């Protein structure tokens, strides 16, 4: 158990030290908040368009993050010989692969959490045709991002600490402080009850997206045991697009009783189960009981995916 935790923690720290991870986190959070400042001319549905857009950004950024994290954590270490050095210790391949997945999953949790906070802030800042851009909140959030980079640069220059990892943790801390500060103020700068106008329904929606990303991470880990970054990204993107269309391509013939359609429909993950933007319309809500059922689906599919990854990795030549 100690080896599992140590390898998972090392994998997590190695991933957040990657510059691409910092770029994904800061750019996605900034772009999500920026989307709330764009006039959509949506005939009163502007806040709904903002929520749809920020969830789409969260999903796509998580897809790239999952693939690149899996490639950096597994295929890169196999290619450089680090995996062989680790497995020469009293560490089995099952422990190694499971620990790498836990490290990738932890990095995705942190990335999704930052984007979820930015999405909640975007729901608070969204406006319709009769409103104006919340420039004060945008300035506070931008200042938080700048301070995160500034503090990380200070610690790197004077304390010789790693810039990227410190910048990631500073961005998380300053974003949370900016979220709290903004939600104690209304759009005119007056004090208000905390989080007035925040759509908390984005929390279960973000959790469902995290479930989808955990499946993509398992698939990326399985591909990364044999392939490099670009083929892994191509396969995961193909599965993602196929899963979005699985109801249309496979659901109808499966309902008609075709055995091949039933088999493929069970094998292809259905991402529509995790994409519930329609539930954010009007006074609707996503019940947490549905989130629990989705967790059972994720656990079963993820177990099968990691078992397939272990089969690929078991006879993989590491020398």
C-alpha atoms as a PDB file:
ATOM      1  CA  UNK A   1       0.000   0.000   0.000  1.00  0.00           C
ATOM      2  CA  UNK A   2       2.848   2.391   0.794  1.00  0.00           C
ATOM      3  CA  UNK A   3       4.396   1.821  -2.644  1.00  0.00           C
ATOM      4  CA  UNK A   4       1.023   2.504  -4.281  1.00  0.00           C
ATOM      5  CA  UNK A   5       0.580   5.815  -2.461  1.00  0.00           C
ATOM      6  CA  UNK A   6       4.183   6.885  -3.099  1.00  0.00           C
ATOM      7  CA  UNK A   7       4.040   6.193  -6.846  1.00  0.00           C
ATOM      8  CA  UNK A   8       0.626   7.899  -7.131  1.00  0.00           C
ATOM      9  CA  UNK A   9       1.883  11.000  -5.294  1.00  0.00           C
ATOM     10  CA  UNK A  10       5.018  11.127  -7.424  1.00  0.00           C
ATOM     11  CA  UNK A  11       2.929  10.770 -10.587  1.00  0.00           C
ATOM     12  CA  UNK A  12       0.622  13.585  -9.456  1.00  0.00           C
ATOM     13  CA  UNK A  13       3.501  15.920  -8.632  1.00  0.00           C
ATOM     14  CA  UNK A  14       5.235  15.147 -11.933  1.00  0.00           C
ATOM     15  CA  UNK A  15       2.063  15.977 -13.829  1.00  0.00           C
ATOM     16  CA  UNK A  16       1.437  19.329 -12.163  1.00  0.00           C
ATOM     17  CA  UNK A  17       5.070  20.234 -12.849  1.00  0.00           C
ATOM     18  CA  UNK A  18       4.397  19.948 -16.582  1.00  0.00           C
ATOM     19  CA  UNK A  19       4.138  23.414 -18.211  1.00  0.00           C
ATOM     20  CA  UNK A  20       1.271  22.210 -20.427  1.00  0.00           C
ATOM     21  CA  UNK A  21      -0.771  21.439 -17.305  1.00  0.00           C
ATOM     22  CA  UNK A  22      -0.315  24.995 -16.014  1.00  0.00           C
ATOM     23  CA  UNK A  23      -1.214  26.398 -19.436  1.00  0.00           C
ATOM     24  CA  UNK A  24      -4.371  24.280 -19.637  1.00  0.00           C
ATOM     25  CA  UNK A  25      -5.455  25.268 -16.133  1.00  0.00           C
ATOM     26  CA  UNK A  26      -4.874  29.004 -16.413  1.00  0.00           C
ATOM     27  CA  UNK A  27      -6.138  29.370 -19.996  1.00  0.00           C
ATOM     28  CA  UNK A  28      -9.276  27.295 -19.438  1.00  0.00           C
ATOM     29  CA  UNK A  29     -10.213  29.113 -16.206  1.00  0.00           C
ATOM     30  CA  UNK A  30      -9.586  32.496 -17.801  1.00  0.00           C
ATOM     31  CA  UNK A  31     -11.517  31.597 -20.947  1.00  0.00           C
ATOM     32  CA  UNK A  32     -14.477  30.272 -18.919  1.00  0.00           C
ATOM     33  CA  UNK A  33     -14.781  33.568 -17.059  1.00  0.00           C
ATOM     34  CA  UNK A  34     -14.297  35.489 -20.318  1.00  0.00           C
ATOM     35  CA  UNK A  35     -17.258  33.629 -21.853  1.00  0.00           C
ATOM     36  CA  UNK A  36     -19.547  35.293 -19.309  1.00  0.00           C
ATOM     37  CA  UNK A  37     -18.512  38.725 -20.643  1.00  0.00           C
ATOM     38  CA  UNK A  38     -19.450  38.098 -24.285  1.00  0.00           C
ATOM     39  CA  UNK A  39     -22.786  39.429 -25.633  1.00  0.00           C
ATOM     40  CA  UNK A  40     -24.657  36.457 -27.161  1.00  0.00           C
ATOM     41  CA  UNK A  41     -27.864  38.188 -28.273  1.00  0.00           C
ATOM     42  CA  UNK A  42     -29.638  35.027 -27.149  1.00  0.00           C
ATOM     43  CA  UNK A  43     -33.144  36.499 -26.724  1.00  0.00           C
ATOM     44  CA  UNK A  44     -33.031  36.051 -22.962  1.00  0.00           C
ATOM     45  CA  UNK A  45     -31.173  32.721 -23.006  1.00  0.00           C
ATOM     46  CA  UNK A  46     -27.726  34.292 -22.631  1.00  0.00           C
ATOM     47  CA  UNK A  47     -27.036  32.785 -19.154  1.00  0.00           C
ATOM     48  CA  UNK A  48     -28.012  29.345 -20.487  1.00  0.00           C
ATOM     49  CA  UNK A  49     -25.605  29.750 -23.401  1.00  0.00           C
ATOM     50  CA  UNK A  50     -22.840  30.702 -20.961  1.00  0.00           C
ATOM     51  CA  UNK A  51     -23.415  27.567 -18.879  1.00  0.00           C
ATOM     52  CA  UNK A  52     -23.446  25.320 -21.949  1.00  0.00           C
ATOM     53  CA  UNK A  53     -20.222  26.900 -23.187  1.00  0.00           C
ATOM     54  CA  UNK A  54     -18.319  26.637 -19.909  1.00  0.00           C
ATOM     55  CA  UNK A  55     -19.252  22.960 -19.502  1.00  0.00           C
ATOM     56  CA  UNK A  56     -18.083  22.284 -23.063  1.00  0.00           C
ATOM     57  CA  UNK A  57     -14.760  23.965 -22.309  1.00  0.00           C
ATOM     58  CA  UNK A  58     -14.424  21.905 -19.147  1.00  0.00           C
ATOM     59  CA  UNK A  59     -15.012  18.689 -21.084  1.00  0.00           C
ATOM     60  CA  UNK A  60     -12.618  19.440 -23.943  1.00  0.00           C
ATOM     61  CA  UNK A  61      -9.836  20.702 -21.669  1.00  0.00           C
ATOM     62  CA  UNK A  62     -10.256  17.597 -19.527  1.00  0.00           C
ATOM     63  CA  UNK A  63      -9.972  15.400 -22.629  1.00  0.00           C
ATOM     64  CA  UNK A  64      -6.628  16.929 -23.578  1.00  0.00           C
ATOM     65  CA  UNK A  65      -5.504  16.907 -19.967  1.00  0.00           C
ATOM     66  CA  UNK A  66      -6.348  13.222 -19.522  1.00  0.00           C
ATOM     67  CA  UNK A  67      -4.543  12.149 -22.692  1.00  0.00           C
ATOM     68  CA  UNK A  68      -1.435  14.246 -22.124  1.00  0.00           C
ATOM     69  CA  UNK A  69      -1.240  13.234 -18.459  1.00  0.00           C
ATOM     70  CA  UNK A  70      -1.531   9.541 -19.333  1.00  0.00           C
ATOM     71  CA  UNK A  71       1.113   9.864 -22.041  1.00  0.00           C
ATOM     72  CA  UNK A  72       3.494  11.716 -19.725  1.00  0.00           C
ATOM     73  CA  UNK A  73       2.868   9.333 -16.846  1.00  0.00           C
ATOM     74  CA  UNK A  74       3.040   5.973 -18.666  1.00  0.00           C
ATOM     75  CA  UNK A  75       4.336   6.014 -22.245  1.00  0.00           C
ATOM     76  CA  UNK A  76       7.067   8.575 -21.534  1.00  0.00           C
ATOM     77  CA  UNK A  77       8.316   6.619 -18.528  1.00  0.00           C
ATOM     78  CA  UNK A  78       8.323   3.389 -20.521  1.00  0.00           C
ATOM     79  CA  UNK A  79      10.284   5.048 -23.314  1.00  0.00           C
ATOM     80  CA  UNK A  80      12.847   6.650 -20.973  1.00  0.00           C
ATOM     81  CA  UNK A  81      13.321   3.536 -18.835  1.00  0.00           C
ATOM     82  CA  UNK A  82      11.879   5.003 -15.627  1.00  0.00           C
ATOM     83  CA  UNK A  83       9.165   2.336 -15.529  1.00  0.00           C
ATOM     84  CA  UNK A  84      11.789  -0.413 -15.718  1.00  0.00           C
ATOM     85  CA  UNK A  85      13.694   1.148 -12.810  1.00  0.00           C
ATOM     86  CA  UNK A  86      10.532   1.319 -10.688  1.00  0.00           C
ATOM     87  CA  UNK A  87       9.472  -2.238 -11.510  1.00  0.00           C
ATOM     88  CA  UNK A  88      12.929  -3.524 -10.573  1.00  0.00           C
ATOM     89  CA  UNK A  89      11.913  -2.713  -6.986  1.00  0.00           C
ATOM     90  CA  UNK A  90       9.335  -4.760  -5.060  1.00  0.00           C
ATOM     91  CA  UNK A  91       6.539  -3.184  -7.105  1.00  0.00           C
ATOM     92  CA  UNK A  92       4.218  -5.220  -9.308  1.00  0.00           C
ATOM     93  CA  UNK A  93       2.827  -4.114 -12.637  1.00  0.00           C
ATOM     94  CA  UNK A  94      -0.683  -3.948 -11.193  1.00  0.00           C
ATOM     95  CA  UNK A  95       0.493  -1.575  -8.464  1.00  0.00           C
ATOM     96  CA  UNK A  96       2.434   0.522 -10.944  1.00  0.00           C
ATOM     97  CA  UNK A  97      -0.426   0.910 -13.411  1.00  0.00           C
ATOM     98  CA  UNK A  98      -3.059   1.553 -10.734  1.00  0.00           C
ATOM     99  CA  UNK A  99      -0.838   4.139  -9.033  1.00  0.00           C
ATOM    100  CA  UNK A 100      -0.257   5.916 -12.341  1.00  0.00           C
ATOM    101  CA  UNK A 101      -3.990   6.061 -12.938  1.00  0.00           C
ATOM    102  CA  UNK A 102      -4.594   7.472  -9.444  1.00  0.00           C
ATOM    103  CA  UNK A 103      -1.984  10.164 -10.111  1.00  0.00           C
ATOM    104  CA  UNK A 104      -3.624  11.090 -13.420  1.00  0.00           C
ATOM    105  CA  UNK A 105      -7.058  11.095 -11.797  1.00  0.00           C
ATOM    106  CA  UNK A 106      -5.857  13.388  -8.985  1.00  0.00           C
ATOM    107  CA  UNK A 107      -4.487  15.837 -11.576  1.00  0.00           C
ATOM    108  CA  UNK A 108      -7.842  15.766 -13.397  1.00  0.00           C
ATOM    109  CA  UNK A 109      -9.702  16.389 -10.132  1.00  0.00           C
ATOM    110  CA  UNK A 110      -7.616  19.500  -9.485  1.00  0.00           C
ATOM    111  CA  UNK A 111      -8.065  20.741 -13.062  1.00  0.00           C
ATOM    112  CA  UNK A 112     -11.830  20.142 -12.974  1.00  0.00           C
ATOM    113  CA  UNK A 113     -12.141  21.804  -9.569  1.00  0.00           C
ATOM    114  CA  UNK A 114     -10.464  24.981 -10.825  1.00  0.00           C
ATOM    115  CA  UNK A 115     -12.698  25.034 -13.908  1.00  0.00           C
ATOM    116  CA  UNK A 116     -15.783  24.344 -11.774  1.00  0.00           C
ATOM    117  CA  UNK A 117     -15.033  27.357  -9.564  1.00  0.00           C
ATOM    118  CA  UNK A 118     -14.536  29.463 -12.700  1.00  0.00           C
ATOM    119  CA  UNK A 119     -17.849  28.103 -14.073  1.00  0.00           C
ATOM    120  CA  UNK A 120     -19.711  29.033 -10.894  1.00  0.00           C
ATOM    121  CA  UNK A 121     -18.229  32.502 -11.151  1.00  0.00           C
ATOM    122  CA  UNK A 122     -19.251  32.693 -14.818  1.00  0.00           C
ATOM    123  CA  UNK A 123     -22.840  31.814 -13.868  1.00  0.00           C
ATOM    124  CA  UNK A 124     -22.768  34.701 -11.385  1.00  0.00           C
ATOM    125  CA  UNK A 125     -21.335  37.144 -13.976  1.00  0.00           C
ATOM    126  CA  UNK A 126     -23.566  36.140 -16.913  1.00  0.00           C
ATOM    127  CA  UNK A 127     -25.998  38.771 -18.174  1.00  0.00           C
ATOM    128  CA  UNK A 128     -28.774  39.103 -20.723  1.00  0.00           C
ATOM    129  CA  UNK A 129     -29.538  41.804 -23.280  1.00  0.00           C
ATOM    130  CA  UNK A 130     -30.625  44.207 -20.520  1.00  0.00           C
ATOM    131  CA  UNK A 131     -27.442  43.833 -18.461  1.00  0.00           C
ATOM    132  CA  UNK A 132     -23.838  44.907 -18.733  1.00  0.00           C
ATOM    133  CA  UNK A 133     -20.458  43.229 -18.477  1.00  0.00           C
ATOM    134  CA  UNK A 134     -19.337  42.757 -14.884  1.00  0.00           C
ATOM    135  CA  UNK A 135     -15.978  44.425 -15.439  1.00  0.00           C
ATOM    136  CA  UNK A 136     -15.249  44.640 -11.703  1.00  0.00           C
ATOM    137  CA  UNK A 137     -15.468  40.872 -11.231  1.00  0.00           C
ATOM    138  CA  UNK A 138     -13.465  40.272 -14.403  1.00  0.00           C
ATOM    139  CA  UNK A 139     -10.732  42.582 -13.120  1.00  0.00           C
ATOM    140  CA  UNK A 140     -10.613  40.843  -9.725  1.00  0.00           C
ATOM    141  CA  UNK A 141     -10.361  37.415 -11.332  1.00  0.00           C
ATOM    142  CA  UNK A 142      -7.660  38.583 -13.753  1.00  0.00           C
ATOM    143  CA  UNK A 143      -5.739  40.081 -10.833  1.00  0.00           C
ATOM    144  CA  UNK A 144      -5.944  36.708  -9.051  1.00  0.00           C
ATOM    145  CA  UNK A 145      -4.377  34.959 -12.048  1.00  0.00           C
ATOM    146  CA  UNK A 146      -1.630  37.578 -12.266  1.00  0.00           C
ATOM    147  CA  UNK A 147      -0.918  37.307  -8.533  1.00  0.00           C
ATOM    148  CA  UNK A 148      -0.698  33.517  -8.835  1.00  0.00           C
ATOM    149  CA  UNK A 149       1.992  33.796 -11.481  1.00  0.00           C
ATOM    150  CA  UNK A 150       3.691  36.616  -9.601  1.00  0.00           C
ATOM    151  CA  UNK A 151       3.962  34.730  -6.311  1.00  0.00           C
ATOM    152  CA  UNK A 152       5.230  31.635  -8.133  1.00  0.00           C
ATOM    153  CA  UNK A 153       7.836  33.761  -9.922  1.00  0.00           C
ATOM    154  CA  UNK A 154       8.903  35.286  -6.607  1.00  0.00           C
ATOM    155  CA  UNK A 155       9.325  31.872  -4.957  1.00  0.00           C
ATOM    156  CA  UNK A 156      11.227  30.582  -7.984  1.00  0.00           C
ATOM    157  CA  UNK A 157      13.631  33.526  -8.133  1.00  0.00           C
ATOM    158  CA  UNK A 158      14.303  34.032  -4.427  1.00  0.00           C
ATOM    159  CA  UNK A 159      13.594  30.589  -2.912  1.00  0.00           C
ATOM    160  CA  UNK A 160      14.652  28.419  -5.873  1.00  0.00           C
ATOM    161  CA  UNK A 161      11.348  26.560  -5.807  1.00  0.00           C
ATOM    162  CA  UNK A 162       9.862  24.958  -8.971  1.00  0.00           C
ATOM    163  CA  UNK A 163       7.867  27.616 -10.795  1.00  0.00           C
ATOM    164  CA  UNK A 164       5.185  25.465 -12.466  1.00  0.00           C
ATOM    165  CA  UNK A 165       4.082  23.506  -9.385  1.00  0.00           C
ATOM    166  CA  UNK A 166       3.995  26.641  -7.234  1.00  0.00           C
ATOM    167  CA  UNK A 167       2.057  28.487  -9.934  1.00  0.00           C
ATOM    168  CA  UNK A 168      -0.559  25.705 -10.046  1.00  0.00           C
ATOM    169  CA  UNK A 169      -1.158  25.788  -6.291  1.00  0.00           C
ATOM    170  CA  UNK A 170      -1.052  29.606  -6.200  1.00  0.00           C
ATOM    171  CA  UNK A 171      -3.653  29.777  -8.975  1.00  0.00           C
ATOM    172  CA  UNK A 172      -5.939  27.459  -7.010  1.00  0.00           C
ATOM    173  CA  UNK A 173      -5.589  29.522  -3.835  1.00  0.00           C
ATOM    174  CA  UNK A 174      -5.952  32.947  -5.451  1.00  0.00           C
ATOM    175  CA  UNK A 175      -8.884  31.796  -7.586  1.00  0.00           C
ATOM    176  CA  UNK A 176     -10.741  30.646  -4.477  1.00  0.00           C
ATOM    177  CA  UNK A 177     -10.022  33.971  -2.754  1.00  0.00           C
ATOM    178  CA  UNK A 178     -11.231  35.855  -5.838  1.00  0.00           C
ATOM    179  CA  UNK A 179     -14.396  33.722  -5.939  1.00  0.00           C
ATOM    180  CA  UNK A 180     -15.172  34.527  -2.299  1.00  0.00           C
ATOM    181  CA  UNK A 181     -14.432  38.237  -2.716  1.00  0.00           C
ATOM    182  CA  UNK A 182     -16.515  38.596  -5.889  1.00  0.00           C
ATOM    183  CA  UNK A 183     -19.522  36.823  -4.411  1.00  0.00           C
ATOM    184  CA  UNK A 184     -19.721  39.213  -1.471  1.00  0.00           C
ATOM    185  CA  UNK A 185     -20.219  42.058  -3.971  1.00  0.00           C
ATOM    186  CA  UNK A 186     -23.003  42.703  -6.446  1.00  0.00           C
ATOM    187  CA  UNK A 187     -22.361  43.994  -9.954  1.00  0.00           C
ATOM    188  CA  UNK A 188     -22.479  47.589  -8.678  1.00  0.00           C
ATOM    189  CA  UNK A 189     -19.829  46.894  -6.024  1.00  0.00           C
ATOM    190  CA  UNK A 190     -22.214  46.879  -3.029  1.00  0.00           C
ATOM    191  CA  UNK A 191     -22.153  44.228  -0.322  1.00  0.00           C
ATOM    192  CA  UNK A 192     -24.611  41.375  -0.766  1.00  0.00           C
ATOM    193  CA  UNK A 193     -25.411  37.945   0.626  1.00  0.00           C
ATOM    194  CA  UNK A 194     -22.679  35.504  -0.332  1.00  0.00           C
ATOM    195  CA  UNK A 195     -23.053  33.759  -3.712  1.00  0.00           C
ATOM    196  CA  UNK A 196     -26.198  35.574  -4.765  1.00  0.00           C
ATOM    197  CA  UNK A 197     -26.802  34.678  -8.397  1.00  0.00           C
ATOM    198  CA  UNK A 198     -24.489  31.646  -8.457  1.00  0.00           C
ATOM    199  CA  UNK A 199     -26.038  28.607 -10.145  1.00  0.00           C
ATOM    200  CA  UNK A 200     -25.016  25.772  -7.807  1.00  0.00           C
ATOM    201  CA  UNK A 201     -26.548  23.246 -10.210  1.00  0.00           C
ATOM    202  CA  UNK A 202     -23.217  23.431 -12.032  1.00  0.00           C
ATOM    203  CA  UNK A 203     -21.649  21.445  -9.180  1.00  0.00           C
ATOM    204  CA  UNK A 204     -23.353  18.088  -9.979  1.00  0.00           C
ATOM    205  CA  UNK A 205     -22.933  18.852 -13.692  1.00  0.00           C
ATOM    206  CA  UNK A 206     -19.189  19.295 -13.121  1.00  0.00           C
ATOM    207  CA  UNK A 207     -19.021  16.085 -11.091  1.00  0.00           C
ATOM    208  CA  UNK A 208     -20.613  14.200 -13.982  1.00  0.00           C
ATOM    209  CA  UNK A 209     -18.037  15.675 -16.356  1.00  0.00           C
ATOM    210  CA  UNK A 210     -15.317  14.523 -13.959  1.00  0.00           C
ATOM    211  CA  UNK A 211     -16.790  11.009 -14.169  1.00  0.00           C
ATOM    212  CA  UNK A 212     -16.555  11.168 -17.960  1.00  0.00           C
ATOM    213  CA  UNK A 213     -12.970  12.379 -17.736  1.00  0.00           C
ATOM    214  CA  UNK A 214     -12.095   9.509 -15.401  1.00  0.00           C
ATOM    215  CA  UNK A 215     -13.274   7.080 -18.091  1.00  0.00           C
ATOM    216  CA  UNK A 216     -11.211   8.918 -20.696  1.00  0.00           C
ATOM    217  CA  UNK A 217      -8.208   8.748 -18.379  1.00  0.00           C
ATOM    218  CA  UNK A 218      -8.601   4.973 -18.045  1.00  0.00           C
ATOM    219  CA  UNK A 219      -8.831   4.620 -21.816  1.00  0.00           C
ATOM    220  CA  UNK A 220      -5.797   6.881 -22.244  1.00  0.00           C
ATOM    221  CA  UNK A 221      -3.812   4.804 -19.734  1.00  0.00           C
ATOM    222  CA  UNK A 222      -4.670   1.644 -21.686  1.00  0.00           C
ATOM    223  CA  UNK A 223      -3.531   3.241 -24.944  1.00  0.00           C
ATOM    224  CA  UNK A 224      -0.411   4.755 -23.374  1.00  0.00           C
ATOM    225  CA  UNK A 225       0.885   1.308 -22.400  1.00  0.00           C
ATOM    226  CA  UNK A 226       1.484   0.654 -26.110  1.00  0.00           C
ATOM    227  CA  UNK A 227       1.324   3.996 -27.927  1.00  0.00           C
ATOM    228  CA  UNK A 228       2.764   7.503 -27.728  1.00  0.00           C
ATOM    229  CA  UNK A 229       0.937  10.811 -27.297  1.00  0.00           C
ATOM    230  CA  UNK A 230      -0.430  11.442 -30.803  1.00  0.00           C
ATOM    231  CA  UNK A 231      -1.917   7.941 -31.396  1.00  0.00           C
ATOM    232  CA  UNK A 232      -3.352   7.986 -27.863  1.00  0.00           C
ATOM    233  CA  UNK A 233      -4.956  11.372 -28.502  1.00  0.00           C
ATOM    234  CA  UNK A 234      -6.384  10.177 -31.823  1.00  0.00           C
ATOM    235  CA  UNK A 235      -7.911   7.023 -30.316  1.00  0.00           C
ATOM    236  CA  UNK A 236      -9.374   8.834 -27.295  1.00  0.00           C
ATOM    237  CA  UNK A 237     -10.810  11.576 -29.515  1.00  0.00           C
ATOM    238  CA  UNK A 238     -12.353   8.921 -31.770  1.00  0.00           C
ATOM    239  CA  UNK A 239     -13.943   7.158 -28.785  1.00  0.00           C
ATOM    240  CA  UNK A 240     -15.171  10.500 -27.506  1.00  0.00           C
ATOM    241  CA  UNK A 241     -16.863  11.373 -30.801  1.00  0.00           C
ATOM    242  CA  UNK A 242     -18.241   7.854 -31.204  1.00  0.00           C
ATOM    243  CA  UNK A 243     -19.633   7.924 -27.666  1.00  0.00           C
ATOM    244  CA  UNK A 244     -21.415  11.201 -28.372  1.00  0.00           C
ATOM    245  CA  UNK A 245     -23.194   9.557 -31.321  1.00  0.00           C
ATOM    246  CA  UNK A 246     -23.692   6.109 -29.790  1.00  0.00           C
ATOM    247  CA  UNK A 247     -27.423   6.649 -29.150  1.00  0.00           C
ATOM    248  CA  UNK A 248     -27.974   7.546 -32.792  1.00  0.00           C
ATOM    249  CA  UNK A 249     -25.604   5.001 -34.373  1.00  0.00           C
ATOM    250  CA  UNK A 250     -26.070   2.037 -32.034  1.00  0.00           C
ATOM    251  CA  UNK A 251     -29.010   2.766 -29.742  1.00  0.00           C
ATOM    252  CA  UNK A 252     -31.716   2.284 -32.345  1.00  0.00           C
ATOM    253  CA  UNK A 253     -30.497  -1.044 -33.769  1.00  0.00           C
ATOM    254  CA  UNK A 254     -29.773  -2.234 -30.206  1.00  0.00           C
ATOM    255  CA  UNK A 255     -33.364  -1.459 -29.232  1.00  0.00           C
ATOM    256  CA  UNK A 256     -34.487  -3.377 -32.334  1.00  0.00           C
ATOM    257  CA  UNK A 257     -32.677  -6.487 -31.040  1.00  0.00           C
ATOM    258  CA  UNK A 258     -29.553  -6.642 -33.234  1.00  0.00           C
ATOM    259  CA  UNK A 259     -26.905  -8.549 -31.277  1.00  0.00           C
ATOM    260  CA  UNK A 260     -23.952  -6.713 -32.815  1.00  0.00           C
ATOM    261  CA  UNK A 261     -25.495  -3.347 -31.926  1.00  0.00           C
ATOM    262  CA  UNK A 262     -26.135  -4.468 -28.341  1.00  0.00           C
ATOM    263  CA  UNK A 263     -22.511  -5.593 -28.010  1.00  0.00           C
ATOM    264  CA  UNK A 264     -21.038  -2.388 -29.419  1.00  0.00           C
ATOM    265  CA  UNK A 265     -23.521  -0.244 -27.491  1.00  0.00           C
ATOM    266  CA  UNK A 266     -22.327  -1.828 -24.248  1.00  0.00           C
ATOM    267  CA  UNK A 267     -18.654  -1.449 -25.207  1.00  0.00           C
ATOM    268  CA  UNK A 268     -18.768   2.208 -26.285  1.00  0.00           C
ATOM    269  CA  UNK A 269     -19.115   4.688 -23.387  1.00  0.00           C
ATOM    270  CA  UNK A 270     -22.191   6.859 -23.731  1.00  0.00           C
ATOM    271  CA  UNK A 271     -21.044  10.402 -22.959  1.00  0.00           C
ATOM    272  CA  UNK A 272     -24.601  11.712 -23.156  1.00  0.00           C
ATOM    273  CA  UNK A 273     -25.143  10.184 -19.712  1.00  0.00           C
ATOM    274  CA  UNK A 274     -22.696  12.738 -18.319  1.00  0.00           C
ATOM    275  CA  UNK A 275     -23.703  15.731 -20.466  1.00  0.00           C
ATOM    276  CA  UNK A 276     -26.875  17.068 -18.846  1.00  0.00           C
ATOM    277  CA  UNK A 277     -26.961  20.675 -19.957  1.00  0.00           C
ATOM    278  CA  UNK A 278     -30.705  20.395 -20.634  1.00  0.00           C
ATOM    279  CA  UNK A 279     -31.200  19.782 -16.922  1.00  0.00           C
ATOM    280  CA  UNK A 280     -29.909  23.306 -16.244  1.00  0.00           C
ATOM    281  CA  UNK A 281     -32.778  24.882 -18.169  1.00  0.00           C
ATOM    282  CA  UNK A 282     -35.417  26.732 -16.201  1.00  0.00           C
ATOM    283  CA  UNK A 283     -36.029  25.406 -12.714  1.00  0.00           C
ATOM    284  CA  UNK A 284     -34.777  21.910 -13.432  1.00  0.00           C
ATOM    285  CA  UNK A 285     -31.995  20.291 -11.400  1.00  0.00           C
ATOM    286  CA  UNK A 286     -29.673  17.300 -11.543  1.00  0.00           C
ATOM    287  CA  UNK A 287     -30.550  14.999  -8.613  1.00  0.00           C
ATOM    288  CA  UNK A 288     -27.646  13.602  -6.652  1.00  0.00           C
ATOM    289  CA  UNK A 289     -29.282  10.166  -6.892  1.00  0.00           C
ATOM    290  CA  UNK A 290     -28.564  10.280 -10.633  1.00  0.00           C
ATOM    291  CA  UNK A 291     -24.955  11.195  -9.872  1.00  0.00           C
ATOM    292  CA  UNK A 292     -24.750   8.094  -7.653  1.00  0.00           C
ATOM    293  CA  UNK A 293     -26.100   5.871 -10.444  1.00  0.00           C
ATOM    294  CA  UNK A 294     -23.589   7.404 -12.851  1.00  0.00           C
ATOM    295  CA  UNK A 295     -20.830   6.557 -10.360  1.00  0.00           C
ATOM    296  CA  UNK A 296     -21.834   2.876 -10.497  1.00  0.00           C
ATOM    297  CA  UNK A 297     -21.680   2.982 -14.307  1.00  0.00           C
ATOM    298  CA  UNK A 298     -18.252   4.618 -14.152  1.00  0.00           C
ATOM    299  CA  UNK A 299     -16.936   2.075 -11.650  1.00  0.00           C
ATOM    300  CA  UNK A 300     -17.962  -0.863 -13.834  1.00  0.00           C
ATOM    301  CA  UNK A 301     -16.672   0.595 -17.088  1.00  0.00           C
ATOM    302  CA  UNK A 302     -13.471   1.863 -15.490  1.00  0.00           C
ATOM    303  CA  UNK A 303     -12.768  -1.540 -13.958  1.00  0.00           C
ATOM    304  CA  UNK A 304     -13.044  -3.158 -17.393  1.00  0.00           C
ATOM    305  CA  UNK A 305     -10.844  -0.469 -18.968  1.00  0.00           C
ATOM    306  CA  UNK A 306      -8.088  -0.805 -16.365  1.00  0.00           C
ATOM    307  CA  UNK A 307      -8.230  -4.590 -16.671  1.00  0.00           C
ATOM    308  CA  UNK A 308      -7.675  -4.189 -20.428  1.00  0.00           C
ATOM    309  CA  UNK A 309      -4.807  -1.782 -19.708  1.00  0.00           C
ATOM    310  CA  UNK A 310      -3.210  -4.387 -17.437  1.00  0.00           C
ATOM    311  CA  UNK A 311      -3.480  -7.011 -20.177  1.00  0.00           C
ATOM    312  CA  UNK A 312      -1.678  -4.653 -22.572  1.00  0.00           C
ATOM    313  CA  UNK A 313       0.946  -3.787 -19.971  1.00  0.00           C
ATOM    314  CA  UNK A 314       1.576  -7.302 -18.634  1.00  0.00           C
ATOM    315  CA  UNK A 315       3.665  -8.495 -21.570  1.00  0.00           C
ATOM    316  CA  UNK A 316       4.998  -5.038 -22.549  1.00  0.00           C
ATOM    317  CA  UNK A 317       8.754  -5.091 -23.117  1.00  0.00           C
ATOM    318  CA  UNK A 318      10.261  -2.357 -20.950  1.00  0.00           C
ATOM    319  CA  UNK A 319      13.949  -2.654 -21.719  1.00  0.00           C
END
